Protein backbone atom coordinates (compact mmCIF):
# COMPACT_ATOMS: atom_id res chain seq x y z
CA MET A 1 -0.02 -0.30 -0.20
CA PRO A 2 1.49 3.78 -0.96
CA ARG A 3 2.73 5.70 2.00
CA ASP A 4 2.58 9.39 2.95
CA ARG A 5 5.52 11.33 3.73
CA ALA A 6 4.85 10.61 7.29
CA GLY A 7 4.48 6.87 6.46
CA ARG A 8 1.07 6.46 6.83
CA ALA A 9 -0.96 4.20 4.28
CA ASN A 10 -2.93 6.27 1.81
CA ARG A 11 -6.49 5.56 0.99
CA VAL A 12 -6.66 3.18 -2.32
CA VAL A 13 -10.01 3.28 -2.45
CA ARG A 14 -11.84 6.57 -3.75
CA PRO A 15 -14.70 8.53 -1.86
CA TYR A 16 -17.17 7.71 -4.63
CA ALA A 17 -16.55 4.08 -4.34
CA ILE A 18 -17.46 4.34 -0.57
CA THR A 19 -20.79 5.96 -0.94
CA GLY A 20 -21.69 4.01 -3.43
CA GLY A 21 -21.68 7.10 -6.04
CA ARG A 22 -24.34 9.22 -3.82
CA THR A 23 -23.66 12.60 -3.19
CA ARG A 24 -26.67 13.71 -1.56
CA ILE A 25 -28.63 12.78 1.65
CA ASP A 26 -32.31 13.03 1.62
CA GLN A 27 -32.64 14.61 4.85
CA ASP A 28 -31.10 18.00 5.46
CA GLU A 29 -27.75 18.67 5.25
CA ILE A 30 -25.81 17.65 8.93
CA GLU A 31 -23.96 20.12 10.16
CA VAL A 32 -20.34 19.64 10.95
CA GLU A 33 -20.64 20.73 14.54
CA ALA A 34 -23.49 17.94 14.67
CA LEU A 35 -22.70 15.23 17.33
CA VAL A 36 -22.90 11.86 16.51
CA THR A 37 -23.14 8.68 19.31
CA THR A 38 -23.73 4.97 18.41
CA THR A 39 -27.07 3.39 19.58
CA SER A 40 -27.16 0.12 20.81
CA VAL A 41 -28.41 -1.22 17.49
CA GLY A 42 -25.01 0.18 16.07
CA ALA A 43 -22.72 -1.17 18.62
CA THR A 44 -23.87 -5.01 18.11
CA ALA A 45 -24.20 -4.51 14.08
CA TRP A 46 -21.33 -5.97 12.87
CA GLN A 47 -22.28 -6.59 9.02
CA LEU A 48 -21.26 -3.14 8.26
CA SER A 49 -18.29 -1.50 5.70
CA PHE A 50 -15.44 -0.83 7.09
CA GLU A 51 -16.23 2.74 6.99
CA ARG A 52 -19.39 2.52 8.67
CA ARG A 53 -18.13 0.20 11.41
CA ALA A 54 -15.41 2.75 12.13
CA ILE A 55 -17.82 5.19 12.50
CA ALA A 56 -20.01 3.14 14.77
CA LEU A 57 -16.54 2.46 16.99
CA LEU A 58 -15.50 5.84 17.31
CA CYS A 59 -19.13 6.98 17.99
CA ARG A 60 -19.17 5.26 21.35
CA ASP A 61 -18.08 8.45 22.71
CA VAL A 62 -19.94 11.42 21.11
CA LEU A 63 -17.97 12.68 18.54
CA SER A 64 -18.97 15.87 15.73
CA VAL A 65 -18.94 14.71 12.15
CA ALA A 66 -16.07 17.44 11.32
CA GLU A 67 -13.89 14.95 14.32
CA ILE A 68 -15.02 11.94 12.51
CA ALA A 69 -13.99 12.87 9.13
CA ALA A 70 -10.64 14.09 10.47
CA LYS A 71 -9.77 10.69 12.54
CA LEU A 72 -11.00 8.42 9.47
CA ARG A 73 -9.31 10.75 6.98
CA LEU A 74 -12.13 10.96 4.79
CA PRO A 75 -14.06 14.22 3.39
CA ILE A 76 -16.84 15.74 5.39
CA GLY A 77 -19.32 15.17 2.35
CA VAL A 78 -18.50 11.10 2.47
CA ILE A 79 -18.98 11.18 6.62
CA ARG A 80 -22.31 13.45 6.52
CA LEU A 81 -23.78 10.72 3.78
CA LEU A 82 -22.55 7.80 5.80
CA VAL A 83 -23.94 9.52 9.11
CA GLY A 84 -26.96 10.25 7.66
CA GLU A 85 -27.88 6.92 6.03
CA MET A 86 -26.91 5.29 9.69
CA ALA A 87 -29.29 7.53 11.27
CA ASP A 88 -31.90 6.44 8.88
CA GLN A 89 -30.81 2.79 10.07
CA GLY A 90 -30.96 3.38 13.45
CA LEU A 91 -27.34 2.55 14.03
CA VAL A 92 -26.39 6.45 15.00
CA ASP A 93 -27.93 9.47 16.66
CA ILE A 94 -27.74 12.86 15.57
CA HIS A 95 -27.49 15.56 18.09
CA ARG A 96 -27.78 18.48 16.04
CA PRO A 97 -27.37 22.09 17.16
CA ALA A 98 -30.16 24.24 17.92
CA GLN A 99 -31.55 26.38 15.51
CA PHE A 100 -32.31 29.85 16.58
CA ASP A 101 -35.17 32.24 14.50
CA ASP A 102 -33.89 35.19 16.41
CA ARG A 103 -30.43 36.64 16.04
CA PRO A 104 -28.24 37.45 19.11
CA ASP A 105 -28.58 41.10 20.45
CA LEU A 106 -26.28 43.29 18.50
CA SER A 107 -25.16 45.29 21.33
CA LEU A 108 -24.78 41.89 23.20
CA LEU A 109 -22.23 40.55 20.47
CA GLU A 110 -20.31 44.21 20.24
CA ARG A 111 -19.70 44.16 24.22
CA VAL A 112 -18.27 40.76 23.74
CA LEU A 113 -16.18 41.88 20.70
CA TYR A 114 -14.93 44.67 22.66
CA GLY A 115 -14.09 42.74 25.70
CA LEU A 116 -11.85 40.16 23.31
CA ARG A 117 -10.25 42.71 22.14
CA GLN A 118 -9.23 43.91 25.32
CA ILE A 119 -8.08 40.43 26.28
């Protein structure tokens, strides 16, 4: 297997092969900061592809989508797709950040920015 400069094995399988050529998920796009945890079903499912099994093992501890991508050295889009499919199958739970309809108070943001600049 080819190696990079740090001596780590380079991935031979292309991302489109991992996703089966799929590029979009049916549900809303999963945020990079969304937290993922493995369900009891996902913890006992061993008939998974290598990448899905790796996600299930990693997410025994709570991890964000970005952290999963970094640890597996895969593109964010691939991880979003795999995590979305795994959530549909009940293998993982996705804890999405709260969506706010109201914007924060501008004066509060200005005070925070002022305070940060003073540090």
